[in-house]
Amino acid sequence: MKRKWKVWRGFYLLSLIFILLITYTGCAGDDNKEITSLEQLCDPGRKIGVSLNCPEEKQMKEDFPEAEIIVYTDIQIGYKDVATGRIDAYVASKVQMRTAIKHGTQGVRLLDAVYAGNPVAVGISPKCAIPDFKEKLDSFIDELKTDGTIDDMRKRWVEDDNYTMPDIPEAQEPSTHLRVATVGTLEPYSYYEGNELTGLDIELAKRFAYWLNADLEFKVYDFSGIIAAAQSGDADCVMANLYYDAERAEAIPFSEVLFDEEVAVMVRDDASGAGPVSLTGLWKSLKFSFERTFIREDRWLLFVNGIITTLLITVLSVALGTILGLVMYIKNII
C-alpha cells in the first residue's frame, strides 16, 4: 500500500512539473518576444492595456485592430501585468509611467517612440456659481502662458523632477470660494507628500485662487468619478492632468489647453531577466501601494468600515442563532 502511494505521489509530482514547464514555455514563446517598436503591437493576439475612460482607447482599436484592448481601473495592476507577461503592453501618460518605474516598478521599460499626444486642460463645472468663470480662467491661463509660468511649471515638475512647491500667497480678503476637484494619485501633477497635496495641478490651483481673490478648497475623488463631480456642481473645476477630448467636452466645458501630454507605451523589459524583485525595489513598491491605498482619498476608511460591518454581522448572527436555539429548546421542553 505504501509503495502504491509513493508511485501515485511521484506521478502527481511529475505531472505538476510538466504543467509548470508547459506554462513557462508557453509564456516564453515567440508571442512574447521582445517588443521594440509600435509596429509589433499590430501582430495578431497582442494584449494591450489602457486606463478606463482614456481617449487613446478608441484610437488604439483603429491602430491595432488585431489586438485585444484590455481596460484597467487600476493602472498599477496594468503595470504588473506587463512585467509578468499577462499583457504585452500598456498605453498611458509617459510621465506617469516613468514615475512608476522610479518608485520601484520593475521588469518594464518604455518604448522610445511616442504613441500620441493629448491636450491637457481644466474641466469646468456647468453649474459653477462664480460669474464668468470660464472667461476668467482662460484669461488667467493666457497670462501664465505669456509670461512663461506654464513652461516653468512643466520644466520643474515634469522635466527636472523638482518637487518643491513655490511660496504662493493666499487671498487675504477673499471675495469668493473656489472648489477644485483633483485626485491626489497622479505624481507629479496631483499627489500627496505626507498629508499635504502637492504637484503641478496643485500649484496651478493655488495660483488661480490668488489671481481670482478666492479662498481655496480641494476636493479629492477617484478619477472615474471626477467628471461626475464637476457635472453635479460639487466642484467648480477639475485640475487633475485632465485630457480634453470631444466626448468629455459633451459632458463639461473645458478651459483653453494648458499643454500637450505625451502618451507612451510600456512593455516588458526582457533584459531584466524577469528575475526576483530586489528588497529595495520591493520596499519602494509596497510603500507606494500603501500610501496610495490607505492614505490618499481616505481609502483606509473603506477597510475600517468593512471590518466593522463584518463584526456587526457576526455578532448579530451569533445573537440570532442563540435566540433561535433558546426558543427551540423552550418549545421542546414545554
Protein backbone atom coordinates (compact mmCIF):
# COMPACT_ATOMS: atom_id res chain seq x y z
CA MET A 1 0.00 0.00 0.00
CA LYS A 2 2.81 2.40 0.89
CA ARG A 3 4.60 1.57 -2.37
CA LYS A 4 1.44 2.28 -4.39
CA TRP A 5 1.08 5.65 -2.61
CA LYS A 6 4.68 6.54 -3.43
CA VAL A 7 4.06 5.71 -7.10
CA TRP A 8 0.96 7.93 -7.23
CA ARG A 9 2.74 10.71 -5.35
CA GLY A 10 5.60 10.56 -7.85
CA PHE A 11 3.10 10.66 -10.73
CA TYR A 12 1.37 13.75 -9.32
CA LEU A 13 4.72 15.47 -8.80
CA LEU A 14 5.86 14.78 -12.36
CA SER A 15 2.50 15.98 -13.69
CA LEU A 16 2.84 19.24 -11.74
CA ILE A 17 6.37 19.79 -13.05
CA PHE A 18 5.16 19.08 -16.60
CA ILE A 19 2.32 21.62 -16.30
CA LEU A 20 4.70 24.26 -14.95
CA LEU A 21 7.13 23.64 -17.81
CA ILE A 22 4.35 23.92 -20.38
CA THR A 23 3.14 27.15 -18.79
CA TYR A 24 6.65 28.60 -18.73
CA THR A 25 7.46 27.67 -22.31
CA GLY A 26 4.07 29.00 -23.42
CA CYS A 27 4.81 32.35 -21.80
CA ALA A 28 8.30 32.44 -23.22
CA GLY A 29 7.29 31.59 -26.78
CA ASP A 30 7.51 33.69 -29.91
CA ASP A 31 4.36 35.61 -29.00
CA ASN A 32 6.24 37.20 -26.10
CA LYS A 33 9.44 38.02 -27.91
CA GLU A 34 10.90 41.37 -27.01
CA ILE A 35 8.87 44.30 -28.27
CA THR A 36 10.99 47.12 -29.63
CA SER A 37 8.57 49.05 -31.85
CA LEU A 38 4.94 50.14 -32.07
CA GLU A 39 4.54 48.09 -35.25
CA GLN A 40 4.92 44.85 -33.29
CA LEU A 41 1.74 45.66 -31.39
CA CYS A 42 -0.15 45.12 -34.65
CA ASP A 43 0.63 41.39 -34.51
CA PRO A 44 -2.48 39.22 -34.05
CA GLY A 45 -3.14 38.11 -30.49
CA ARG A 46 -1.42 41.02 -28.77
CA LYS A 47 -2.92 42.19 -25.49
CA ILE A 48 -2.66 45.92 -24.77
CA GLY A 49 -3.77 47.60 -21.56
CA VAL A 50 -5.25 51.06 -21.24
CA SER A 51 -6.79 53.06 -18.39
CA LEU A 52 -10.55 53.45 -18.05
CA ASN A 53 -12.02 56.42 -19.97
CA CYS A 54 -8.72 57.36 -21.61
CA PRO A 55 -9.20 59.00 -25.03
CA GLU A 56 -6.49 56.86 -26.65
CA GLU A 57 -8.60 53.71 -26.23
CA LYS A 58 -10.67 54.48 -29.32
CA GLN A 59 -7.56 55.30 -31.37
CA MET A 60 -5.86 52.08 -30.27
CA LYS A 61 -8.72 49.99 -31.64
CA GLU A 62 -8.11 51.60 -35.02
CA ASP A 63 -4.32 51.40 -34.92
CA PHE A 64 -4.13 47.84 -33.55
CA PRO A 65 -7.27 46.08 -34.90
CA GLU A 66 -5.82 42.59 -34.33
CA ALA A 67 -5.01 43.27 -30.67
CA GLU A 68 -7.17 42.71 -27.61
CA ILE A 69 -7.62 46.01 -25.76
CA ILE A 70 -7.94 45.45 -22.00
CA VAL A 71 -9.31 48.29 -19.87
CA TYR A 72 -7.95 48.77 -16.33
CA THR A 73 -9.41 50.76 -13.46
CA ASP A 74 -6.13 50.44 -11.51
CA ILE A 75 -3.09 51.45 -13.53
CA GLN A 76 -0.71 49.75 -11.08
CA ILE A 77 -2.25 46.35 -11.85
CA GLY A 78 -1.69 47.08 -15.54
CA TYR A 79 2.00 47.72 -14.90
CA LYS A 80 2.34 44.43 -13.02
CA ASP A 81 0.58 42.54 -15.80
CA VAL A 82 3.11 43.90 -18.29
CA ALA A 83 6.01 42.84 -16.05
CA THR A 84 4.62 39.30 -15.65
CA GLY A 85 3.75 38.90 -19.32
CA ARG A 86 -0.03 38.75 -18.89
CA ILE A 87 -0.33 41.61 -21.36
CA ASP A 88 2.15 42.75 -23.99
CA ALA A 89 1.98 46.50 -23.43
CA TYR A 90 0.31 49.33 -21.56
CA VAL A 91 -0.51 52.70 -23.11
CA ALA A 92 -0.64 55.71 -20.78
CA SER A 93 0.95 59.03 -19.87
CA LYS A 94 4.70 58.89 -20.36
CA VAL A 95 5.28 60.96 -17.23
CA GLN A 96 3.10 58.72 -15.03
CA MET A 97 4.74 55.51 -16.24
CA ARG A 98 8.22 56.97 -15.82
CA THR A 99 7.27 57.94 -12.27
CA ALA A 100 6.05 54.39 -11.55
CA ILE A 101 9.40 52.97 -12.66
CA LYS A 102 11.14 55.48 -10.42
CA HIS A 103 9.03 54.25 -7.49
CA GLY A 104 10.13 50.64 -7.92
CA THR A 105 8.04 49.10 -10.72
CA GLN A 106 10.46 46.56 -12.17
CA GLY A 107 10.60 44.32 -15.22
CA VAL A 108 9.23 47.02 -17.55
CA ARG A 109 10.55 49.78 -19.79
CA LEU A 110 9.18 52.45 -22.12
CA LEU A 111 9.47 52.36 -25.90
CA ASP A 112 11.36 55.30 -27.38
CA ALA A 113 8.54 56.17 -29.78
CA VAL A 114 5.74 58.44 -28.57
CA TYR A 115 2.34 56.92 -29.36
CA ALA A 116 0.20 60.06 -29.16
CA GLY A 117 -0.20 63.48 -27.63
CA ASN A 118 -3.22 64.54 -25.59
CA PRO A 119 -4.16 68.16 -24.85
CA VAL A 120 -4.46 68.85 -21.12
CA ALA A 121 -6.97 71.44 -19.90
CA VAL A 122 -9.06 72.38 -16.88
CA GLY A 123 -12.54 70.88 -16.69
CA ILE A 124 -15.27 73.34 -15.72
CA SER A 125 -18.50 72.63 -13.89
CA PRO A 126 -21.55 73.74 -15.89
CA LYS A 127 -23.11 74.58 -12.50
CA CYS A 128 -20.25 76.77 -11.27
CA ALA A 129 -21.70 79.73 -9.38
CA ILE A 130 -18.70 82.03 -9.94
CA PRO A 131 -19.72 84.60 -12.59
CA ASP A 132 -17.93 84.41 -15.97
CA PHE A 133 -15.80 81.57 -14.65
CA LYS A 134 -14.56 80.23 -17.99
CA GLU A 135 -13.60 83.69 -19.27
CA LYS A 136 -11.69 84.41 -16.06
CA LEU A 137 -9.94 81.02 -16.14
CA ASP A 138 -8.92 81.43 -19.80
CA SER A 139 -7.56 84.93 -19.09
CA PHE A 140 -5.55 83.53 -16.19
CA ILE A 141 -4.12 80.74 -18.38
CA ASP A 142 -3.26 83.23 -21.14
CA GLU A 143 -1.29 85.32 -18.64
CA LEU A 144 0.64 82.25 -17.40
CA LYS A 145 1.47 81.22 -20.95
CA THR A 146 2.54 84.71 -21.96
CA ASP A 147 4.89 85.28 -19.01
CA GLY A 148 6.34 81.74 -19.23
CA THR A 149 4.93 80.47 -15.93
CA ILE A 150 3.31 77.39 -17.50
CA ASP A 151 6.58 76.43 -19.21
CA ASP A 152 8.47 76.95 -15.95
CA MET A 153 6.00 74.75 -14.05
CA ARG A 154 6.31 71.98 -16.64
CA LYS A 155 10.09 72.16 -16.54
CA ARG A 156 10.26 71.97 -12.75
CA TRP A 157 7.64 69.31 -12.06
CA VAL A 158 7.89 67.14 -15.17
CA GLU A 159 11.33 67.50 -16.76
CA ASP A 160 13.60 68.27 -13.80
CA ASP A 161 11.70 66.29 -11.13
CA ASN A 162 11.93 69.37 -8.92
CA TYR A 163 9.10 68.71 -6.47
CA THR A 164 9.45 71.90 -4.45
CA MET A 165 6.22 73.83 -4.15
CA PRO A 166 6.92 77.57 -4.51
CA ASP A 167 5.56 80.02 -1.97
CA ILE A 168 2.26 81.24 -3.36
CA PRO A 169 0.36 83.90 -1.38
CA GLU A 170 -3.25 83.36 -0.36
CA ALA A 171 -6.09 85.83 -0.75
CA GLN A 172 -6.25 87.98 2.38
CA GLU A 173 -9.82 89.15 1.91
CA PRO A 174 -11.33 86.61 -0.48
CA SER A 175 -14.38 87.67 -2.44
CA THR A 176 -15.40 84.14 -3.45
CA HIS A 177 -14.85 80.44 -2.71
CA LEU A 178 -13.11 78.15 -5.22
CA ARG A 179 -13.64 74.37 -5.08
CA VAL A 180 -11.11 72.40 -7.12
CA ALA A 181 -11.57 68.69 -7.81
CA THR A 182 -8.39 66.64 -8.02
CA VAL A 183 -7.23 63.06 -7.46
CA GLY A 184 -4.09 63.04 -5.32
CA THR A 185 -2.71 59.96 -7.10
CA LEU A 186 -1.02 61.39 -10.20
CA GLU A 187 2.57 62.26 -9.41
CA PRO A 188 3.90 64.79 -10.32
CA TYR A 189 0.60 66.51 -11.13
CA SER A 190 -1.56 65.88 -8.07
CA TYR A 191 -0.28 63.68 -5.27
CA TYR A 192 0.32 63.57 -1.53
CA GLU A 193 3.58 64.47 0.18
CA GLY A 194 2.84 63.23 3.67
CA ASN A 195 -0.62 64.62 4.38
CA GLU A 196 -0.32 67.57 2.01
CA LEU A 197 -1.47 67.73 -1.59
CA THR A 198 1.23 68.92 -3.96
CA GLY A 199 2.15 68.83 -7.63
CA LEU A 200 1.79 70.87 -10.80
CA ASP A 201 -2.02 70.96 -10.69
CA ILE A 202 -1.99 71.94 -7.03
CA GLU A 203 0.37 74.82 -7.81
CA LEU A 204 -1.90 75.84 -10.68
CA ALA A 205 -4.93 75.83 -8.38
CA LYS A 206 -3.16 77.93 -5.74
CA ARG A 207 -2.04 80.47 -8.34
CA PHE A 208 -5.56 80.70 -9.78
CA ALA A 209 -7.16 81.12 -6.35
CA TYR A 210 -4.85 84.03 -5.58
CA TRP A 211 -5.46 85.55 -9.03
CA LEU A 212 -9.21 85.16 -8.51
CA ASN A 213 -9.03 86.53 -4.94
CA ALA A 214 -10.69 83.34 -3.66
CA ASP A 215 -10.17 81.04 -0.72
CA LEU A 216 -9.31 77.56 -1.99
CA GLU A 217 -10.83 74.17 -1.18
CA PHE A 218 -9.53 70.91 -2.66
CA LYS A 219 -11.96 68.04 -3.12
CA VAL A 220 -10.36 64.65 -3.77
CA TYR A 221 -12.08 62.00 -5.91
CA ASP A 222 -11.30 58.78 -7.70
CA PHE A 223 -10.53 59.62 -11.30
CA SER A 224 -13.52 57.60 -12.51
CA GLY A 225 -15.89 59.95 -10.67
CA ILE A 226 -14.23 63.29 -11.13
CA ILE A 227 -16.19 64.32 -14.25
CA ALA A 228 -19.44 63.47 -12.49
CA ALA A 229 -18.39 65.66 -9.57
CA ALA A 230 -18.00 68.62 -11.92
CA GLN A 231 -21.27 67.84 -13.69
CA SER A 232 -23.17 67.79 -10.41
CA GLY A 233 -21.70 71.09 -9.25
CA ASP A 234 -19.90 69.51 -6.30
CA ALA A 235 -16.72 71.23 -7.56
CA ASP A 236 -16.19 74.35 -9.65
CA CYS A 237 -13.44 72.89 -11.80
CA VAL A 238 -11.18 69.88 -12.29
CA MET A 239 -7.39 70.16 -12.12
CA ALA A 240 -6.04 66.63 -12.45
CA ASN A 241 -3.97 66.43 -15.65
CA LEU A 242 -7.32 66.08 -17.41
CA TYR A 243 -7.21 65.27 -21.12
CA TYR A 244 -9.53 67.18 -23.40
CA ASP A 245 -11.49 65.18 -25.94
CA ALA A 246 -14.78 65.63 -27.80
CA GLU A 247 -16.64 63.07 -25.68
CA ARG A 248 -15.67 64.70 -22.40
CA ALA A 249 -16.45 68.12 -23.85
CA GLU A 250 -20.06 66.96 -24.28
CA ALA A 251 -20.24 66.39 -20.52
CA ILE A 252 -18.48 69.52 -19.22
CA PRO A 253 -16.89 72.66 -20.68
CA PHE A 254 -13.09 72.98 -20.80
CA SER A 255 -10.63 75.82 -20.48
CA GLU A 256 -8.17 76.52 -23.22
CA VAL A 257 -5.37 73.95 -23.49
CA LEU A 258 -2.56 74.19 -20.95
CA PHE A 259 -0.08 71.91 -22.74
CA ASP A 260 0.16 68.59 -24.60
CA GLU A 261 0.90 65.39 -22.67
CA GLU A 262 2.94 62.66 -24.37
CA VAL A 263 1.38 59.19 -24.39
CA ALA A 264 3.91 56.34 -24.41
CA VAL A 265 3.95 52.55 -24.41
CA MET A 266 5.23 50.38 -21.58
CA VAL A 267 6.49 46.89 -22.44
CA ARG A 268 8.22 44.07 -20.60
CA ASP A 269 11.93 44.55 -20.05
CA ASP A 270 13.39 41.20 -21.12
CA ALA A 271 16.89 42.46 -20.34
CA SER A 272 15.96 42.43 -16.67
CA GLY A 273 15.61 38.66 -16.90
CA ALA A 274 12.30 38.93 -15.04
CA GLY A 275 14.30 37.98 -12.01
CA PRO A 276 13.27 38.43 -8.40
CA VAL A 277 12.49 41.90 -7.23
CA SER A 278 15.21 43.42 -5.07
CA LEU A 279 14.44 44.23 -1.45
CA THR A 280 14.86 47.94 -2.20
CA GLY A 281 12.50 47.79 -5.16
CA LEU A 282 10.02 45.70 -3.20
CA TRP A 283 10.07 48.17 -0.31
CA LYS A 284 9.51 51.13 -2.65
CA SER A 285 6.64 49.34 -4.36
CA LEU A 286 5.00 48.34 -1.06
CA LYS A 287 5.43 51.84 0.37
CA PHE A 288 3.94 53.44 -2.74
CA SER A 289 0.99 50.99 -2.76
CA PHE A 290 0.36 51.51 0.97
CA GLU A 291 0.34 55.29 0.65
CA ARG A 292 -1.92 55.11 -2.42
CA THR A 293 -4.40 52.72 -0.79
CA PHE A 294 -4.55 53.79 2.86
CA ILE A 295 -3.57 57.48 2.94
CA ARG A 296 -4.80 59.10 -0.28
CA GLU A 297 -8.51 59.80 -0.55
CA ASP A 298 -9.14 58.32 2.94
CA ARG A 299 -9.38 54.83 1.42
CA TRP A 300 -8.44 53.30 4.77
CA LEU A 301 -11.96 54.17 5.87
CA LEU A 302 -13.27 51.58 3.44
CA PHE A 303 -11.27 48.87 5.18
CA VAL A 304 -12.34 50.03 8.64
CA ASN A 305 -15.98 50.16 7.59
CA GLY A 306 -15.66 46.69 6.09
CA ILE A 307 -14.24 45.28 9.34
CA ILE A 308 -16.95 46.98 11.42
CA THR A 309 -19.67 45.65 9.11
CA THR A 310 -18.23 42.12 9.25
CA LEU A 311 -18.04 42.20 13.06
CA LEU A 312 -21.58 43.57 13.29
CA ILE A 313 -22.93 40.81 11.05
CA THR A 314 -21.05 38.20 13.07
CA VAL A 315 -22.41 39.49 16.41
CA LEU A 316 -25.96 39.69 15.08
CA SER A 317 -25.71 36.19 13.59
CA VAL A 318 -24.49 34.74 16.90
CA ALA A 319 -27.20 36.58 18.82
CA LEU A 320 -29.92 35.47 16.39
CA GLY A 321 -28.67 31.87 16.49
CA THR A 322 -28.65 31.91 20.28
CA ILE A 323 -32.19 33.28 20.43
CA LEU A 324 -33.50 30.74 17.93
CA GLY A 325 -31.74 27.92 19.78
CA LEU A 326 -33.21 29.07 23.07
CA VAL A 327 -36.71 29.29 21.57
CA MET A 328 -36.45 25.76 20.13
CA TYR A 329 -35.14 24.45 23.45
CA ILE A 330 -38.02 26.02 25.41
CA LYS A 331 -40.52 24.74 22.85
CA ASN A 332 -39.24 21.15 23.22
CA ILE A 333 -39.34 21.10 27.00
CA ILE A 334 -42.83 22.58 27.30
